N, C-alpha and C. Protein backbone atom coordinates (compact mmCIF):
# COMPACT_ATOMS: atom_id res chain seq x y z
N MET A 1 15.66 3.24 -12.43
CA MET A 1 15.01 4.52 -12.88
C MET A 1 13.45 3.75 -13.58
N ALA A 2 12.79 4.02 -13.64
CA ALA A 2 11.25 3.17 -14.51
C ALA A 2 11.68 4.05 -15.71
N PRO A 3 11.43 3.42 -17.15
CA PRO A 3 11.06 3.37 -17.80
C PRO A 3 10.07 4.89 -18.25
N GLN A 4 10.15 5.90 -19.62
CA GLN A 4 9.33 6.83 -19.95
C GLN A 4 7.72 6.05 -20.42
N GLY A 5 7.04 6.81 -20.15
CA GLY A 5 5.52 6.33 -20.49
C GLY A 5 5.05 5.40 -18.77
N VAL A 6 5.77 5.45 -18.07
CA VAL A 6 5.10 4.75 -16.56
C VAL A 6 4.38 5.70 -15.73
N VAL A 7 2.86 5.67 -15.43
CA VAL A 7 1.68 6.05 -14.75
C VAL A 7 2.08 5.83 -13.20
N VAL A 8 1.60 6.85 -12.61
CA VAL A 8 1.77 6.59 -11.44
C VAL A 8 0.62 7.08 -10.81
N ARG A 9 -0.05 6.46 -10.21
CA ARG A 9 -1.47 7.22 -9.74
C ARG A 9 -2.37 6.53 -8.55
N HIS A 10 -2.94 7.38 -7.75
CA HIS A 10 -3.95 6.74 -6.41
C HIS A 10 -4.83 6.28 -7.29
N ALA A 11 -5.25 5.45 -6.51
CA ALA A 11 -6.24 4.00 -6.89
C ALA A 11 -7.67 4.81 -6.72
N VAL A 12 -8.47 4.77 -8.22
CA VAL A 12 -10.07 5.20 -8.20
C VAL A 12 -10.85 3.82 -7.99
N ARG A 13 -11.99 4.03 -7.46
CA ARG A 13 -12.81 2.33 -7.23
C ARG A 13 -12.55 1.50 -8.44
N GLU A 14 -12.76 2.00 -9.76
CA GLU A 14 -12.63 1.15 -11.06
C GLU A 14 -11.51 0.17 -10.61
N ASP A 15 -10.37 0.43 -9.83
CA ASP A 15 -9.36 -0.07 -9.82
C ASP A 15 -9.39 -0.92 -8.93
N VAL A 16 -10.62 -1.07 -8.09
CA VAL A 16 -10.58 -2.52 -7.36
C VAL A 16 -10.21 -4.04 -8.18
N PRO A 17 -10.89 -4.49 -8.91
CA PRO A 17 -10.62 -5.65 -9.37
C PRO A 17 -8.76 -5.67 -9.38
N VAL A 18 -8.04 -4.70 -9.72
CA VAL A 18 -7.07 -4.61 -10.28
C VAL A 18 -6.08 -4.88 -8.92
N ILE A 19 -6.64 -3.98 -8.08
CA ILE A 19 -5.87 -3.80 -6.61
C ILE A 19 -5.69 -5.85 -6.09
N LEU A 20 -6.97 -6.13 -5.76
CA LEU A 20 -7.87 -7.48 -5.47
C LEU A 20 -6.91 -8.26 -6.32
N GLN A 21 -6.65 -8.59 -7.55
CA GLN A 21 -5.34 -9.33 -8.37
C GLN A 21 -4.12 -8.96 -7.68
N LEU A 22 -3.60 -8.17 -7.71
CA LEU A 22 -2.69 -7.30 -7.02
C LEU A 22 -2.14 -8.31 -5.52
N ILE A 23 -3.31 -8.27 -4.58
CA ILE A 23 -3.14 -8.45 -3.48
C ILE A 23 -2.97 -10.18 -3.56
N GLN A 24 -3.92 -10.65 -4.07
CA GLN A 24 -3.83 -11.93 -4.28
C GLN A 24 -2.35 -12.68 -4.90
N GLU A 25 -1.89 -12.27 -5.98
CA GLU A 25 -0.72 -12.56 -5.96
C GLU A 25 0.51 -12.10 -5.32
N LEU A 26 0.59 -10.89 -4.46
CA LEU A 26 0.90 -10.96 -3.23
C LEU A 26 1.46 -11.71 -2.60
N ALA A 27 -0.13 -12.53 -1.85
CA ALA A 27 -0.12 -13.54 -1.13
C ALA A 27 0.48 -14.87 -1.81
N ASP A 28 0.28 -15.26 -2.87
CA ASP A 28 0.85 -16.13 -3.39
C ASP A 28 2.17 -16.34 -3.77
N TYR A 29 3.36 -14.73 -3.56
CA TYR A 29 4.57 -14.90 -3.62
C TYR A 29 5.25 -14.88 -2.44
N GLU A 30 3.88 -14.50 -1.31
CA GLU A 30 4.67 -14.54 0.36
C GLU A 30 3.85 -16.32 0.36
N LYS A 31 3.91 -16.97 -0.07
CA LYS A 31 3.43 -18.63 0.09
C LYS A 31 1.73 -18.26 0.88
N GLU A 32 1.26 -17.41 0.66
CA GLU A 32 -0.07 -17.59 1.91
C GLU A 32 -1.28 -17.33 1.04
N SER A 33 -1.51 -17.86 -0.51
CA SER A 33 -2.77 -17.99 -1.26
C SER A 33 -3.62 -18.01 -0.74
N ASP A 34 -3.98 -18.64 0.42
CA ASP A 34 -5.17 -18.93 0.93
C ASP A 34 -5.93 -17.73 2.46
N ALA A 35 -4.82 -17.30 2.49
CA ALA A 35 -5.04 -16.00 3.26
C ALA A 35 -5.65 -14.80 3.50
N VAL A 36 -5.95 -14.40 1.89
CA VAL A 36 -6.40 -13.31 1.75
C VAL A 36 -8.03 -13.38 1.89
N GLU A 37 -8.41 -12.36 2.78
CA GLU A 37 -10.02 -12.48 3.12
C GLU A 37 -10.12 -11.03 2.19
N ALA A 38 -9.69 -10.35 1.59
CA ALA A 38 -10.14 -8.65 1.05
C ALA A 38 -11.19 -9.65 -0.24
N THR A 39 -12.40 -8.82 -0.47
CA THR A 39 -12.97 -8.79 -1.39
C THR A 39 -13.48 -7.47 -2.32
N HIS A 40 -13.67 -7.69 -2.57
CA HIS A 40 -14.29 -6.39 -3.77
C HIS A 40 -15.02 -5.55 -3.04
N GLU A 41 -15.90 -5.92 -2.52
CA GLU A 41 -16.63 -4.62 -2.00
C GLU A 41 -16.14 -4.83 -0.37
N SER A 42 -15.47 -5.45 0.18
CA SER A 42 -14.08 -4.71 1.19
C SER A 42 -13.63 -4.12 1.23
N LEU A 43 -12.72 -4.31 -0.14
CA LEU A 43 -12.00 -3.11 -0.46
C LEU A 43 -12.51 -1.65 -0.59
N LEU A 44 -13.65 -1.75 -1.73
CA LEU A 44 -14.67 -0.56 -1.85
C LEU A 44 -15.13 -0.09 -0.77
N ASN A 45 -15.17 -0.43 0.59
CA ASN A 45 -15.59 -0.22 1.60
C ASN A 45 -14.51 0.39 2.80
N THR A 46 -13.44 0.28 2.09
CA THR A 46 -12.35 0.57 3.22
C THR A 46 -11.18 1.14 3.16
N LEU A 47 -10.89 1.29 1.66
CA LEU A 47 -10.23 2.30 0.96
C LEU A 47 -10.39 3.70 0.82
N ALA A 48 -9.63 4.46 0.77
CA ALA A 48 -10.00 5.46 0.65
C ALA A 48 -9.50 6.32 -0.78
N PHE A 49 -9.95 6.24 -1.72
CA PHE A 49 -10.30 6.41 -3.36
C PHE A 49 -10.10 7.88 -3.86
N ALA A 50 -9.17 8.10 -4.73
CA ALA A 50 -8.66 9.38 -5.28
C ALA A 50 -10.50 9.41 -6.24
N PRO A 51 -10.12 11.05 -6.57
CA PRO A 51 -11.21 10.93 -7.53
C PRO A 51 -11.63 10.35 -8.74
N SER A 52 -12.92 10.09 -9.34
CA SER A 52 -12.93 9.01 -10.48
C SER A 52 -13.50 9.85 -11.50
N GLY A 53 -12.66 9.91 -12.48
CA GLY A 53 -13.20 10.68 -13.97
C GLY A 53 -14.25 9.94 -14.71
N LEU A 54 -14.46 8.94 -14.44
CA LEU A 54 -15.01 7.81 -15.13
C LEU A 54 -16.85 7.80 -14.87
N VAL A 55 -17.48 8.19 -15.97
CA VAL A 55 -19.19 7.93 -15.76
C VAL A 55 -19.56 7.54 -16.26
N SER A 56 -20.37 6.73 -15.68
CA SER A 56 -21.41 5.82 -16.26
C SER A 56 -23.41 5.73 -15.81
N PRO A 57 -24.00 5.08 -16.99
CA PRO A 57 -25.11 4.90 -16.54
C PRO A 57 -25.99 5.37 -15.07
N GLN A 58 -24.90 4.26 -14.28
CA GLN A 58 -25.20 4.57 -12.81
C GLN A 58 -24.75 5.34 -12.34
N ASN A 59 -23.56 5.81 -12.46
CA ASN A 59 -22.71 7.42 -11.81
C ASN A 59 -22.60 8.24 -12.96
N THR A 60 -23.57 8.78 -12.68
CA THR A 60 -23.71 10.26 -13.73
C THR A 60 -22.76 11.44 -13.19
N THR A 61 -22.38 11.60 -11.97
CA THR A 61 -21.58 12.52 -11.29
C THR A 61 -20.21 11.92 -10.68
N GLN A 62 -19.10 12.80 -11.18
CA GLN A 62 -17.64 12.63 -10.70
C GLN A 62 -17.45 12.24 -9.24
N SER A 63 -16.80 11.22 -9.17
CA SER A 63 -16.82 11.06 -7.97
C SER A 63 -15.70 12.08 -7.32
N GLU A 64 -15.46 12.69 -6.02
CA GLU A 64 -14.70 13.72 -5.70
C GLU A 64 -13.91 13.16 -4.54
N GLY A 65 -13.68 11.80 -4.68
CA GLY A 65 -12.82 10.88 -3.48
C GLY A 65 -12.83 10.88 -2.14
N ASP A 66 -12.11 10.27 -1.64
CA ASP A 66 -12.32 10.13 -0.34
C ASP A 66 -11.47 10.60 0.82
N SER A 67 -11.53 11.20 1.87
CA SER A 67 -10.48 11.28 2.94
C SER A 67 -10.34 10.33 3.68
N THR A 68 -8.85 9.89 4.47
CA THR A 68 -9.13 8.53 4.98
C THR A 68 -9.59 9.22 6.18
N SER A 69 -10.12 8.33 7.26
CA SER A 69 -10.85 8.03 8.38
C SER A 69 -10.90 6.77 9.05
N ALA A 70 -11.12 6.65 9.63
CA ALA A 70 -11.17 5.39 10.53
C ALA A 70 -11.91 3.97 10.00
N SER A 71 -12.52 4.38 9.39
CA SER A 71 -13.20 3.40 8.30
C SER A 71 -12.74 3.29 7.10
N ARG A 72 -11.97 4.11 6.61
CA ARG A 72 -11.10 4.24 5.54
C ARG A 72 -9.42 4.57 5.73
N PRO A 73 -9.24 3.93 6.33
CA PRO A 73 -7.90 4.30 6.59
C PRO A 73 -6.44 4.31 5.81
N ALA A 74 -7.12 3.68 4.48
CA ALA A 74 -5.71 3.23 3.78
C ALA A 74 -5.99 4.00 2.25
N ARG A 75 -4.98 3.87 1.89
CA ARG A 75 -4.67 4.76 0.52
C ARG A 75 -3.94 3.48 -0.65
N ALA A 76 -3.81 3.46 -2.14
CA ALA A 76 -3.32 2.43 -3.03
C ALA A 76 -2.26 3.34 -3.81
N LEU A 77 -1.19 2.88 -4.32
CA LEU A 77 -0.76 3.74 -5.12
C LEU A 77 -0.66 2.54 -6.39
N LEU A 78 -1.15 2.85 -7.57
CA LEU A 78 -0.74 1.98 -8.57
C LEU A 78 0.04 2.47 -9.62
N ILE A 79 1.24 1.34 -9.96
CA ILE A 79 2.06 1.78 -11.63
C ILE A 79 1.60 1.02 -12.55
N PHE A 80 1.65 1.53 -13.21
CA PHE A 80 0.92 1.26 -14.73
C PHE A 80 2.35 1.27 -16.21
N THR A 81 2.78 0.14 -16.74
CA THR A 81 3.70 0.72 -17.65
C THR A 81 3.13 1.25 -18.64
N PRO A 82 4.36 1.52 -19.26
CA PRO A 82 3.87 2.73 -20.58
C PRO A 82 2.94 1.88 -21.72
N SER A 83 2.40 0.58 -21.68
CA SER A 83 1.32 0.21 -22.45
C SER A 83 0.46 -0.11 -21.62
N GLY A 84 0.35 0.44 -20.49
CA GLY A 84 -0.71 0.40 -19.38
C GLY A 84 -1.24 -0.63 -18.49
N ARG A 85 -0.36 -1.12 -18.70
CA ARG A 85 -0.34 -2.62 -17.57
C ARG A 85 -0.34 -2.39 -16.56
N PRO A 86 -1.36 -2.60 -15.50
CA PRO A 86 -0.97 -2.14 -13.94
C PRO A 86 0.34 -3.26 -13.72
N ALA A 87 1.18 -2.98 -13.18
CA ALA A 87 3.08 -3.63 -12.64
C ALA A 87 3.03 -3.47 -11.13
N GLY A 88 2.21 -2.64 -10.38
CA GLY A 88 2.68 -2.99 -9.15
C GLY A 88 1.60 -1.71 -8.27
N LEU A 89 1.66 -2.26 -6.87
CA LEU A 89 0.70 -1.40 -6.00
C LEU A 89 1.68 -1.10 -4.59
N ALA A 90 1.45 -0.05 -4.06
CA ALA A 90 1.74 0.85 -2.96
C ALA A 90 0.64 1.02 -1.92
N LEU A 91 0.25 -0.27 -0.94
CA LEU A 91 -0.95 0.33 -0.43
C LEU A 91 -0.44 0.71 1.30
N TYR A 92 -0.57 2.19 1.83
CA TYR A 92 -0.54 2.44 2.55
C TYR A 92 -1.56 3.30 3.57
N PHE A 93 -0.77 3.62 5.16
CA PHE A 93 -1.71 4.28 5.65
C PHE A 93 -1.14 5.47 6.34
N TYR A 94 -1.39 6.43 7.02
CA TYR A 94 -0.87 7.66 7.78
C TYR A 94 -0.50 7.02 9.17
N ASN A 95 0.58 7.59 9.32
CA ASN A 95 1.06 6.50 11.11
C ASN A 95 1.55 8.54 11.88
N TYR A 96 1.92 8.33 12.87
CA TYR A 96 2.45 9.68 13.20
C TYR A 96 3.94 9.14 14.41
N SER A 97 4.86 10.20 14.19
CA SER A 97 5.93 9.90 15.43
C SER A 97 5.80 10.36 16.85
N THR A 98 5.37 10.07 17.82
CA THR A 98 4.91 10.64 19.47
C THR A 98 6.57 11.39 19.47
N TRP A 99 7.76 11.02 19.04
CA TRP A 99 8.70 11.76 19.50
C TRP A 99 9.32 12.96 18.63
N ARG A 100 8.89 12.68 17.16
CA ARG A 100 8.94 13.52 16.62
C ARG A 100 7.75 14.81 16.32
N ALA A 101 6.51 14.41 17.07
CA ALA A 101 5.37 14.77 16.71
C ALA A 101 4.93 15.31 15.46
N ARG A 102 5.22 14.50 14.21
CA ARG A 102 5.36 14.38 12.90
C ARG A 102 4.63 13.43 12.63
N PRO A 103 3.50 13.64 11.09
CA PRO A 103 3.00 12.60 10.58
C PRO A 103 4.25 11.93 10.13
N GLY A 104 3.83 10.62 9.58
CA GLY A 104 4.64 9.94 8.27
C GLY A 104 3.60 8.97 7.88
N ILE A 105 3.80 8.11 6.58
CA ILE A 105 3.35 7.00 6.15
C ILE A 105 3.68 5.60 6.46
N TYR A 106 2.85 4.92 6.78
CA TYR A 106 3.48 3.13 6.97
C TYR A 106 2.89 2.93 5.63
N LEU A 107 4.04 1.55 4.85
CA LEU A 107 3.89 1.19 3.80
C LEU A 107 3.55 -0.27 4.41
N GLU A 108 1.95 -0.72 4.23
CA GLU A 108 1.70 -2.15 4.22
C GLU A 108 2.05 -2.69 3.58
N ASP A 109 2.15 -2.76 2.10
CA ASP A 109 2.39 -3.64 1.44
C ASP A 109 3.03 -2.89 -0.09
N LEU A 110 4.21 -3.64 -0.29
CA LEU A 110 5.05 -3.11 -2.01
C LEU A 110 4.72 -4.36 -2.53
N PHE A 111 3.96 -4.29 -4.02
CA PHE A 111 4.25 -5.65 -4.62
C PHE A 111 4.36 -4.78 -6.36
N VAL A 112 5.42 -5.59 -6.56
CA VAL A 112 5.56 -5.60 -7.99
C VAL A 112 5.38 -6.75 -8.72
N ARG A 113 4.62 -6.98 -10.20
CA ARG A 113 4.55 -8.03 -10.64
C ARG A 113 5.71 -8.79 -10.97
N GLU A 114 6.14 -10.12 -10.69
CA GLU A 114 7.67 -11.07 -11.34
C GLU A 114 7.78 -10.29 -12.68
N ALA A 115 7.22 -10.47 -13.37
CA ALA A 115 7.21 -9.98 -14.97
C ALA A 115 8.12 -8.82 -14.89
N GLU A 116 7.44 -7.71 -14.23
CA GLU A 116 7.78 -6.37 -14.50
C GLU A 116 9.01 -5.88 -13.05
N ARG A 117 9.27 -6.63 -12.28
CA ARG A 117 10.84 -6.45 -11.47
C ARG A 117 12.22 -5.97 -12.30
N GLY A 118 12.72 -5.25 -11.80
CA GLY A 118 13.70 -5.00 -12.40
C GLY A 118 13.61 -3.91 -13.31
N ASN A 119 12.47 -3.28 -13.48
CA ASN A 119 12.42 -1.99 -14.17
C ASN A 119 11.96 -0.73 -13.46
N GLY A 120 12.48 -0.55 -11.84
CA GLY A 120 12.57 0.73 -11.56
C GLY A 120 11.14 1.06 -11.17
N TYR A 121 10.17 -0.02 -11.40
CA TYR A 121 8.90 0.05 -10.48
C TYR A 121 8.58 -0.13 -8.78
N GLY A 122 9.33 -0.62 -8.18
CA GLY A 122 9.47 -0.50 -6.84
C GLY A 122 9.64 0.96 -6.49
N GLN A 123 11.07 1.34 -6.87
CA GLN A 123 11.85 2.33 -6.29
C GLN A 123 11.16 3.26 -6.51
N ARG A 124 10.46 3.63 -7.94
CA ARG A 124 9.43 4.50 -8.31
C ARG A 124 8.06 4.75 -7.67
N LEU A 125 7.68 3.67 -6.91
CA LEU A 125 6.68 4.04 -5.73
C LEU A 125 7.00 4.24 -4.71
N LEU A 126 8.42 3.96 -4.30
CA LEU A 126 9.06 4.22 -2.84
C LEU A 126 8.93 5.82 -2.83
N GLY A 127 9.82 6.05 -4.05
CA GLY A 127 9.68 7.40 -4.50
C GLY A 127 8.63 8.46 -4.72
N GLU A 128 7.95 8.28 -4.62
CA GLU A 128 6.30 8.77 -5.07
C GLU A 128 5.84 9.10 -3.11
N LEU A 129 5.90 7.98 -2.44
CA LEU A 129 5.82 8.10 -1.50
C LEU A 129 6.78 8.71 0.20
N ALA A 130 8.25 8.70 -0.65
CA ALA A 130 8.81 9.54 0.36
C ALA A 130 8.43 10.96 0.11
N LYS A 131 8.07 11.19 -1.34
CA LYS A 131 7.92 12.83 -1.71
C LYS A 131 6.39 13.27 -1.04
N GLU A 132 5.62 12.31 -0.71
CA GLU A 132 4.43 12.48 -0.07
C GLU A 132 4.96 12.88 1.29
N VAL A 133 5.64 11.86 1.96
CA VAL A 133 6.09 12.14 3.46
C VAL A 133 6.72 13.60 3.34
N LEU A 134 7.47 13.80 2.73
CA LEU A 134 8.26 15.72 2.69
C LEU A 134 7.26 16.91 2.30
N GLN A 135 5.73 16.65 1.43
CA GLN A 135 5.47 17.05 1.28
C GLN A 135 4.07 17.81 2.44
N MET A 136 4.23 16.45 3.46
CA MET A 136 3.19 17.04 4.40
C MET A 136 4.24 16.96 5.96
N ASN A 137 5.40 17.60 5.52
CA ASN A 137 6.51 17.70 6.54
C ASN A 137 6.41 16.63 7.61
N GLY A 138 6.56 15.64 7.13
CA GLY A 138 6.88 14.22 7.58
C GLY A 138 7.70 14.27 8.25
N GLY A 139 7.47 12.76 9.09
CA GLY A 139 9.10 12.67 9.95
C GLY A 139 9.68 11.20 9.24
N ARG A 140 9.17 10.58 8.66
CA ARG A 140 9.75 8.97 7.95
C ARG A 140 8.45 8.13 7.44
N LEU A 141 9.23 7.46 6.59
CA LEU A 141 8.46 6.07 5.49
C LEU A 141 8.87 5.31 6.17
N GLU A 142 8.03 3.75 6.87
CA GLU A 142 8.24 3.03 7.30
C GLU A 142 7.47 1.62 6.55
N TRP A 143 8.02 0.30 7.34
CA TRP A 143 7.57 -0.83 6.42
C TRP A 143 7.95 -1.87 6.98
N SER A 144 7.47 -3.14 7.15
CA SER A 144 8.00 -4.56 7.41
C SER A 144 8.32 -5.07 6.03
N VAL A 145 9.60 -6.27 6.73
CA VAL A 145 9.55 -6.99 5.48
C VAL A 145 9.56 -8.28 5.81
N LEU A 146 9.39 -9.49 5.16
CA LEU A 146 9.52 -10.94 6.14
C LEU A 146 11.09 -11.17 5.89
N LYS A 147 11.26 -11.78 6.64
CA LYS A 147 12.88 -11.92 7.36
C LYS A 147 13.36 -12.65 6.17
N TRP A 148 12.76 -14.06 5.41
CA TRP A 148 13.42 -14.86 4.33
C TRP A 148 13.54 -13.98 3.16
N ASN A 149 12.86 -12.90 3.03
CA ASN A 149 12.79 -11.87 1.86
C ASN A 149 14.11 -11.82 1.40
N THR A 150 15.14 -11.94 1.34
CA THR A 150 16.03 -11.22 1.41
C THR A 150 16.15 -10.63 -0.44
N PRO A 151 15.67 -11.03 -1.25
CA PRO A 151 15.70 -10.10 -2.50
C PRO A 151 14.70 -8.35 -1.83
N SER A 152 13.92 -8.51 -1.17
CA SER A 152 13.78 -7.55 -1.08
C SER A 152 14.18 -6.62 -0.39
N ILE A 153 14.84 -7.67 0.58
CA ILE A 153 16.23 -6.77 1.75
C ILE A 153 16.68 -6.06 1.38
N GLN A 154 17.56 -6.98 0.39
CA GLN A 154 19.03 -6.45 -0.32
C GLN A 154 18.38 -4.93 -1.31
N PHE A 155 17.05 -4.96 -2.17
CA PHE A 155 16.69 -3.78 -2.77
C PHE A 155 16.63 -2.74 -1.59
N TYR A 156 15.51 -3.13 -0.32
CA TYR A 156 15.07 -1.69 0.48
C TYR A 156 16.68 -1.08 1.09
N GLU A 157 17.58 -1.88 1.02
CA GLU A 157 19.19 -1.26 1.86
C GLU A 157 19.88 -0.30 0.32
N ARG A 158 19.57 -1.28 -0.76
CA ARG A 158 20.50 -0.25 -1.88
C ARG A 158 19.75 1.13 -2.07
N ILE A 159 18.45 1.03 -1.53
CA ILE A 159 17.72 2.27 -2.14
C ILE A 159 18.19 3.16 -0.38
N GLY A 160 18.74 3.19 0.36
CA GLY A 160 19.07 3.14 1.60
C GLY A 160 18.11 3.35 2.92
N ALA A 161 17.22 2.01 3.22
CA ALA A 161 16.55 1.43 4.08
C ALA A 161 17.47 1.37 5.12
N LYS A 162 17.36 1.35 6.21
CA LYS A 162 18.14 0.66 7.22
C LYS A 162 16.67 -0.50 8.14
N ALA A 163 17.29 -1.44 8.74
CA ALA A 163 16.70 -2.10 9.43
C ALA A 163 16.63 -2.11 10.73
N MET A 164 15.08 -1.93 11.16
CA MET A 164 15.49 -1.69 12.51
C MET A 164 14.98 -2.33 13.36
N THR A 165 16.81 -3.24 14.01
CA THR A 165 16.79 -4.54 14.01
C THR A 165 16.11 -4.78 16.11
N GLU A 166 16.61 -3.21 16.26
CA GLU A 166 15.65 -3.33 17.97
C GLU A 166 14.55 -3.10 18.00
N TRP A 167 13.88 -3.21 17.08
CA TRP A 167 12.19 -3.35 17.35
C TRP A 167 11.56 -4.52 16.99
N GLN A 168 10.79 -5.46 18.05
CA GLN A 168 9.93 -6.77 17.64
C GLN A 168 8.86 -6.47 16.86
N THR A 169 8.45 -6.37 16.02
CA THR A 169 6.69 -6.53 15.70
C THR A 169 5.85 -7.02 16.25
N MET A 170 4.87 -6.91 17.08
CA MET A 170 4.03 -7.46 17.60
C MET A 170 2.93 -7.17 17.44
N ARG A 171 1.81 -8.29 17.31
CA ARG A 171 0.45 -8.03 16.26
C ARG A 171 -0.62 -8.82 17.49
N VAL A 172 -2.18 -8.17 17.42
CA VAL A 172 -2.95 -9.19 18.33
C VAL A 172 -3.68 -9.17 17.18
N ASP A 173 -4.43 -10.14 16.94
CA ASP A 173 -5.72 -10.86 16.06
C ASP A 173 -6.85 -11.92 16.21
N GLY A 174 -7.71 -12.15 15.64
CA GLY A 174 -8.23 -13.12 15.57
C GLY A 174 -8.94 -13.17 17.43
N GLU A 175 -8.83 -14.04 17.49
CA GLU A 175 -9.50 -14.22 18.93
C GLU A 175 -9.01 -13.50 20.27
N GLY A 176 -7.41 -13.54 20.08
CA GLY A 176 -6.79 -12.84 21.19
C GLY A 176 -7.00 -11.50 21.44
N LEU A 177 -7.45 -10.74 19.70
CA LEU A 177 -7.90 -9.32 19.72
C LEU A 177 -9.34 -9.25 19.98
N ARG A 178 -10.50 -10.18 19.86
CA ARG A 178 -11.28 -10.18 21.16
C ARG A 178 -11.63 -10.22 23.07
N GLU A 179 -10.86 -11.28 22.87
CA GLU A 179 -9.98 -11.65 24.13
C GLU A 179 -9.26 -10.22 24.88
N LEU A 180 -8.89 -9.49 24.35
CA LEU A 180 -8.15 -8.29 24.92
C LEU A 180 -8.81 -7.15 24.76
N ALA A 181 -9.78 -7.25 23.99
CA ALA A 181 -11.34 -6.09 24.09
C ALA A 181 -12.20 -6.29 24.98
N LYS A 182 -11.92 -7.44 25.72
CA LYS A 182 -12.87 -7.73 26.93
C LYS A 182 -12.34 -7.00 28.08
N ARG A 183 -10.66 -6.67 28.41
CA ARG A 183 -10.20 -6.35 29.20
C ARG A 183 -10.57 -4.40 29.68
N ALA A 184 -11.24 -3.95 28.24
CA ALA A 184 -11.35 -2.72 28.53
C ALA A 184 -13.41 -2.44 29.60
N ASN A 185 -13.32 -3.44 29.25
CA ASN A 185 -14.92 -3.23 30.12
C ASN A 185 -14.91 -3.44 31.77
């Protein structure tokens, strides 16, 4: 259970530097430090942000927030320690179950800073996402985990997640994606 005074909220535009730092820390943890292509600008252009209460000389009106869309498909939840330090991130998007004919959430990335692990922050972020799935009458919350990441797998199993061993993740990207798109012509 996370300590009292923890704040969990959807990211606003002003959080982009924190989000980018957490993404880099996640890449470092996964031994993929050089794989991050995300930039401040690309995150600003592709995440759906919550309304911002911050007003500056350049921005004299409060942001109303963004709806998810094809160009802004993802949202981010941030968790902050009682002292206000960013402790973790859950980056997710909505999906759909054909057989259940119900929406759901796909958790693209869950990351809690190493110094903050063991404080219940990961469980709190997952709990907030589960609550959102239930509020939209959704069917499931799902995600992938690297097979070598035993501590995370054990954590997920402790909170009731089940490994979907009969499924194999498939991916097309880079040149393969461009070649596949040519088949639509």
